Structures are given as C-alpha cells and as structure tokens.
Amino acid sequence: MTDLGQRGDTASGTASEASSDRQSGNGSASVSWLAWIASAIGLFLFLGSVGVLGYDGLFRSGGDPVVALAVEGVRHDGHRWHARIRVENTGEGTAARVRVVGELMSGESVLETAEADFDYLPAGSTQRGGLYFERNAEANPVRLRVLGYAVP
C-alpha cells in the first residue's frame, strides 16, 4: 500500500509542478509567439485583401468590353466544315450574350454565314467556340464580326 500511495504522491507532485510551470510562463512562451506571428500574418492578408478590393471598387472605372476575334483553325468533319474560333475580351468591362457572326468569303461576296453566342465574357477572359459551314472553309477565308453584346 505504501508503494501505491507513493506513486500517487509522485504523480500528483508531477502534475502540480507542470501547472506551476504553466502559471509562471515556462513552456508556453513559444506557443504564444507562434500564435502572435500567425495572427499578424492573418491580419496582414485580411487588410491587404480589403485594401485591394476597396481600391478596385472605388477607383476602377469599369469601362467597356473590347472583344477581339480570331479563327484558330478549320477542319472537315465529314459533312461540314468546322471553324474553331477564339473570343477574347481585352477591355475592362464584362460582356454578356455576345453574338459572333462568321462569314465565308469569296473575294468581296459572302458565300455563307454562321453565328455563335457566348453567354458570359468577363474582362480579361478568353472563350472558345466553333462555327459550321457547308462550303469549304479552308479554301475560303472566314471573316468574323461581333454583332452585339449586353452589359450584365
């Protein structure tokens, strides 16, 4: 019994020593500094995000979309000619419901037209799509135009 009693005293003595170390500040200083550093980094990131978004909201004009078009390639898929197109918004505004028309040309005359709609074109983004033609789109150039867009 005395051994059990001594073990109990030793265990309680160790627990009381650990609690007195925590109360005096020993052992918890590294966690405290680590917590301060993590908090400072989090605060810096939060304030930086709020600053960037605030500046963007207050001083950015919004501007108009500037839509650029390009034919990336043409291939025959068995029945029709498929012209792959790229639509890029290089402006500062967003465009919605962008309608693109492709005209298959022979000299100055239009042989055939095809249209494609792009639902949403944010500022600085690129979308890809395709136009289908019945006539040979490799032998004749494809002229692309934007018919219009809406501001969302």
C-alpha atoms as a PDB file:
ATOM      1  CA  MET A   1       0.000   0.000   0.000  1.00  0.00           C
ATOM      2  CA  THR A   2       2.773   2.344   0.667  1.00  0.00           C
ATOM      3  CA  ASP A   3       4.084   1.841  -2.857  1.00  0.00           C
ATOM      4  CA  LEU A   4       0.708   2.783  -4.308  1.00  0.00           C
ATOM      5  CA  GLY A   5       0.495   5.777  -2.053  1.00  0.00           C
ATOM      6  CA  GLN A   6       3.954   6.911  -3.054  1.00  0.00           C
ATOM      7  CA  ARG A   7       3.165   6.509  -6.736  1.00  0.00           C
ATOM      8  CA  GLY A   8       0.053   8.580  -6.297  1.00  0.00           C
ATOM      9  CA  ASP A   9       2.048  11.264  -4.487  1.00  0.00           C
ATOM     10  CA  THR A  10       4.666  11.288  -7.231  1.00  0.00           C
ATOM     11  CA  ALA A  11       2.060  11.601  -9.963  1.00  0.00           C
ATOM     12  CA  SER A  12       0.280  14.404  -8.151  1.00  0.00           C
ATOM     13  CA  GLY A  13       3.601  16.086  -7.491  1.00  0.00           C
ATOM     14  CA  THR A  14       4.461  15.993 -11.191  1.00  0.00           C
ATOM     15  CA  ALA A  15       1.061  17.406 -12.135  1.00  0.00           C
ATOM     16  CA  SER A  16       1.412  20.223  -9.636  1.00  0.00           C
ATOM     17  CA  GLU A  17       4.894  21.035 -10.933  1.00  0.00           C
ATOM     18  CA  ALA A  18       3.595  21.199 -14.521  1.00  0.00           C
ATOM     19  CA  SER A  19       0.761  23.509 -13.518  1.00  0.00           C
ATOM     20  CA  SER A  20       3.141  25.781 -11.644  1.00  0.00           C
ATOM     21  CA  ASP A  21       5.398  25.894 -14.748  1.00  0.00           C
ATOM     22  CA  ARG A  22       2.421  26.962 -16.867  1.00  0.00           C
ATOM     23  CA  GLN A  23       1.453  29.629 -14.358  1.00  0.00           C
ATOM     24  CA  SER A  24       4.987  31.019 -14.228  1.00  0.00           C
ATOM     25  CA  GLY A  25       5.180  31.228 -18.036  1.00  0.00           C
ATOM     26  CA  ASN A  26       7.691  28.445 -18.668  1.00  0.00           C
ATOM     27  CA  GLY A  27       6.906  26.264 -21.702  1.00  0.00           C
ATOM     28  CA  SER A  28       4.122  28.410 -23.140  1.00  0.00           C
ATOM     29  CA  ALA A  29       6.241  31.276 -24.489  1.00  0.00           C
ATOM     30  CA  SER A  30       6.984  29.559 -27.826  1.00  0.00           C
ATOM     31  CA  VAL A  31       3.286  28.856 -28.439  1.00  0.00           C
ATOM     32  CA  SER A  32       2.395  32.409 -27.556  1.00  0.00           C
ATOM     33  CA  TRP A  33       4.931  33.873 -30.013  1.00  0.00           C
ATOM     34  CA  LEU A  34       3.837  31.455 -32.685  1.00  0.00           C
ATOM     35  CA  ALA A  35       0.222  32.494 -32.153  1.00  0.00           C
ATOM     36  CA  TRP A  36       1.183  36.186 -32.422  1.00  0.00           C
ATOM     37  CA  ILE A  37       3.104  35.595 -35.645  1.00  0.00           C
ATOM     38  CA  ALA A  38       0.233  33.627 -37.194  1.00  0.00           C
ATOM     39  CA  SER A  39      -2.234  36.300 -36.123  1.00  0.00           C
ATOM     40  CA  ALA A  40      -0.079  39.058 -37.602  1.00  0.00           C
ATOM     41  CA  ILE A  41       0.203  37.218 -40.926  1.00  0.00           C
ATOM     42  CA  GLY A  42      -3.568  36.661 -40.991  1.00  0.00           C
ATOM     43  CA  LEU A  43      -4.237  40.320 -40.204  1.00  0.00           C
ATOM     44  CA  PHE A  44      -1.817  41.425 -42.922  1.00  0.00           C
ATOM     45  CA  LEU A  45      -3.524  39.193 -45.509  1.00  0.00           C
ATOM     46  CA  PHE A  46      -7.001  40.317 -44.452  1.00  0.00           C
ATOM     47  CA  LEU A  47      -6.163  44.038 -44.550  1.00  0.00           C
ATOM     48  CA  GLY A  48      -4.369  43.609 -47.891  1.00  0.00           C
ATOM     49  CA  SER A  49      -7.427  41.907 -49.404  1.00  0.00           C
ATOM     50  CA  VAL A  50      -9.769  44.586 -48.095  1.00  0.00           C
ATOM     51  CA  GLY A  51      -7.436  47.292 -49.427  1.00  0.00           C
ATOM     52  CA  VAL A  52      -7.191  45.799 -52.916  1.00  0.00           C
ATOM     53  CA  LEU A  53     -10.954  45.227 -53.167  1.00  0.00           C
ATOM     54  CA  GLY A  54     -11.698  48.705 -51.801  1.00  0.00           C
ATOM     55  CA  TYR A  55      -9.322  50.375 -54.235  1.00  0.00           C
ATOM     56  CA  ASP A  56     -10.749  48.364 -57.126  1.00  0.00           C
ATOM     57  CA  GLY A  57     -14.319  49.267 -56.158  1.00  0.00           C
ATOM     58  CA  LEU A  58     -13.635  52.969 -55.673  1.00  0.00           C
ATOM     59  CA  PHE A  59     -11.213  53.817 -58.463  1.00  0.00           C
ATOM     60  CA  ARG A  60     -11.756  51.318 -61.260  1.00  0.00           C
ATOM     61  CA  SER A  61     -13.933  52.856 -63.948  1.00  0.00           C
ATOM     62  CA  GLY A  62     -15.431  49.605 -65.208  1.00  0.00           C
ATOM     63  CA  GLY A  63     -15.028  50.578 -68.854  1.00  0.00           C
ATOM     64  CA  ASP A  64     -16.397  48.853 -71.890  1.00  0.00           C
ATOM     65  CA  PRO A  65     -15.633  45.371 -73.144  1.00  0.00           C
ATOM     66  CA  VAL A  66     -13.258  45.171 -76.101  1.00  0.00           C
ATOM     67  CA  VAL A  67     -13.941  41.936 -77.983  1.00  0.00           C
ATOM     68  CA  ALA A  68     -11.242  40.506 -80.253  1.00  0.00           C
ATOM     69  CA  LEU A  69     -11.938  37.567 -82.574  1.00  0.00           C
ATOM     70  CA  ALA A  70      -9.686  35.025 -84.270  1.00  0.00           C
ATOM     71  CA  VAL A  71     -10.033  31.819 -86.261  1.00  0.00           C
ATOM     72  CA  GLU A  72      -7.805  29.193 -84.642  1.00  0.00           C
ATOM     73  CA  GLY A  73      -8.232  26.506 -87.255  1.00  0.00           C
ATOM     74  CA  VAL A  74     -10.532  24.857 -89.770  1.00  0.00           C
ATOM     75  CA  ARG A  75     -11.166  21.147 -90.286  1.00  0.00           C
ATOM     76  CA  HIS A  76     -13.571  18.994 -92.225  1.00  0.00           C
ATOM     77  CA  ASP A  77     -15.623  16.679 -90.023  1.00  0.00           C
ATOM     78  CA  GLY A  78     -17.174  14.560 -92.759  1.00  0.00           C
ATOM     79  CA  HIS A  79     -20.291  16.554 -93.548  1.00  0.00           C
ATOM     80  CA  ARG A  80     -19.441  20.136 -92.691  1.00  0.00           C
ATOM     81  CA  TRP A  81     -16.502  22.453 -92.210  1.00  0.00           C
ATOM     82  CA  HIS A  82     -15.773  23.407 -88.602  1.00  0.00           C
ATOM     83  CA  ALA A  83     -14.017  26.733 -87.937  1.00  0.00           C
ATOM     84  CA  ARG A  84     -12.679  26.920 -84.361  1.00  0.00           C
ATOM     85  CA  ILE A  85     -12.822  30.494 -83.060  1.00  0.00           C
ATOM     86  CA  ARG A  86     -11.404  32.367 -80.076  1.00  0.00           C
ATOM     87  CA  VAL A  87     -13.265  35.285 -78.494  1.00  0.00           C
ATOM     88  CA  GLU A  88     -11.192  37.453 -76.153  1.00  0.00           C
ATOM     89  CA  ASN A  89     -12.290  40.384 -74.010  1.00  0.00           C
ATOM     90  CA  THR A  90      -9.303  42.706 -73.603  1.00  0.00           C
ATOM     91  CA  GLY A  91     -11.376  45.528 -72.135  1.00  0.00           C
ATOM     92  CA  GLU A  92     -12.238  46.374 -68.532  1.00  0.00           C
ATOM     93  CA  GLY A  93     -15.965  45.655 -68.751  1.00  0.00           C
ATOM     94  CA  THR A  94     -17.893  42.395 -68.829  1.00  0.00           C
ATOM     95  CA  ALA A  95     -19.981  41.402 -71.839  1.00  0.00           C
ATOM     96  CA  ALA A  96     -22.952  39.021 -71.800  1.00  0.00           C
ATOM     97  CA  ARG A  97     -24.789  37.369 -74.679  1.00  0.00           C
ATOM     98  CA  VAL A  98     -22.006  38.117 -77.170  1.00  0.00           C
ATOM     99  CA  ARG A  99     -23.170  37.261 -80.683  1.00  0.00           C
ATOM    100  CA  VAL A 100     -20.447  36.449 -83.215  1.00  0.00           C
ATOM    101  CA  VAL A 101     -21.120  36.019 -86.929  1.00  0.00           C
ATOM    102  CA  GLY A 102     -18.715  34.286 -89.274  1.00  0.00           C
ATOM    103  CA  GLU A 103     -18.880  34.962 -92.978  1.00  0.00           C
ATOM    104  CA  LEU A 104     -17.344  32.613 -95.500  1.00  0.00           C
ATOM    105  CA  MET A 105     -15.919  34.915 -98.141  1.00  0.00           C
ATOM    106  CA  SER A 106     -15.114  34.611-101.847  1.00  0.00           C
ATOM    107  CA  GLY A 107     -13.458  37.867-102.788  1.00  0.00           C
ATOM    108  CA  GLU A 108     -15.899  40.570-101.647  1.00  0.00           C
ATOM    109  CA  SER A 109     -19.008  38.382-101.718  1.00  0.00           C
ATOM    110  CA  VAL A 110     -20.345  36.397 -98.782  1.00  0.00           C
ATOM    111  CA  LEU A 111     -20.902  32.724 -99.617  1.00  0.00           C
ATOM    112  CA  GLU A 112     -22.341  31.621 -96.295  1.00  0.00           C
ATOM    113  CA  THR A 113     -22.847  32.856 -92.726  1.00  0.00           C
ATOM    114  CA  ALA A 114     -22.839  31.133 -89.349  1.00  0.00           C
ATOM    115  CA  GLU A 115     -23.450  32.504 -85.848  1.00  0.00           C
ATOM    116  CA  ALA A 116     -22.396  31.626 -82.320  1.00  0.00           C
ATOM    117  CA  ASP A 117     -23.480  33.085 -78.986  1.00  0.00           C
ATOM    118  CA  PHE A 118     -21.270  33.369 -75.916  1.00  0.00           C
ATOM    119  CA  ASP A 119     -23.227  33.722 -72.676  1.00  0.00           C
ATOM    120  CA  TYR A 120     -20.658  35.477 -70.495  1.00  0.00           C
ATOM    121  CA  LEU A 121     -17.308  37.105 -71.296  1.00  0.00           C
ATOM    122  CA  PRO A 122     -15.663  38.694 -68.234  1.00  0.00           C
ATOM    123  CA  ALA A 123     -12.961  41.342 -68.562  1.00  0.00           C
ATOM    124  CA  GLY A 124      -9.607  39.820 -69.455  1.00  0.00           C
ATOM    125  CA  SER A 125     -11.047  36.408 -70.360  1.00  0.00           C
ATOM    126  CA  THR A 126     -10.967  34.153 -73.404  1.00  0.00           C
ATOM    127  CA  GLN A 127     -13.693  31.797 -74.644  1.00  0.00           C
ATOM    128  CA  ARG A 128     -13.574  29.310 -77.487  1.00  0.00           C
ATOM    129  CA  GLY A 129     -16.292  28.059 -79.793  1.00  0.00           C
ATOM    130  CA  GLY A 130     -16.981  26.945 -83.313  1.00  0.00           C
ATOM    131  CA  LEU A 131     -18.838  27.836 -86.486  1.00  0.00           C
ATOM    132  CA  TYR A 132     -20.078  25.283 -89.003  1.00  0.00           C
ATOM    133  CA  PHE A 133     -20.159  25.861 -92.759  1.00  0.00           C
ATOM    134  CA  GLU A 134     -21.492  23.710 -95.585  1.00  0.00           C
ATOM    135  CA  ARG A 135     -18.901  25.042 -98.069  1.00  0.00           C
ATOM    136  CA  ASN A 136     -15.128  24.637 -97.897  1.00  0.00           C
ATOM    137  CA  ALA A 137     -13.881  26.934 -95.127  1.00  0.00           C
ATOM    138  CA  GLU A 138     -10.233  26.000 -95.755  1.00  0.00           C
ATOM    139  CA  ALA A 139     -10.254  27.265 -99.339  1.00  0.00           C
ATOM    140  CA  ASN A 140     -12.181  30.467 -98.494  1.00  0.00           C
ATOM    141  CA  PRO A 141     -11.370  32.932 -95.711  1.00  0.00           C
ATOM    142  CA  VAL A 142     -13.698  33.299 -92.723  1.00  0.00           C
ATOM    143  CA  ARG A 143     -14.408  36.889 -91.666  1.00  0.00           C
ATOM    144  CA  LEU A 144     -15.543  37.284 -88.038  1.00  0.00           C
ATOM    145  CA  ARG A 145     -17.630  40.133 -86.616  1.00  0.00           C
ATOM    146  CA  VAL A 146     -19.286  40.875 -83.297  1.00  0.00           C
ATOM    147  CA  LEU A 147     -22.947  41.720 -83.814  1.00  0.00           C
ATOM    148  CA  GLY A 148     -23.527  42.873 -80.254  1.00  0.00           C
ATOM    149  CA  TYR A 149     -23.439  42.220 -76.527  1.00  0.00           C
ATOM    150  CA  ALA A 150     -25.331  43.110 -73.354  1.00  0.00           C
ATOM    151  CA  VAL A 151     -23.975  44.595 -70.138  1.00  0.00           C
ATOM    152  CA  PRO A 152     -24.804  42.238 -67.269  1.00  0.00           C
END
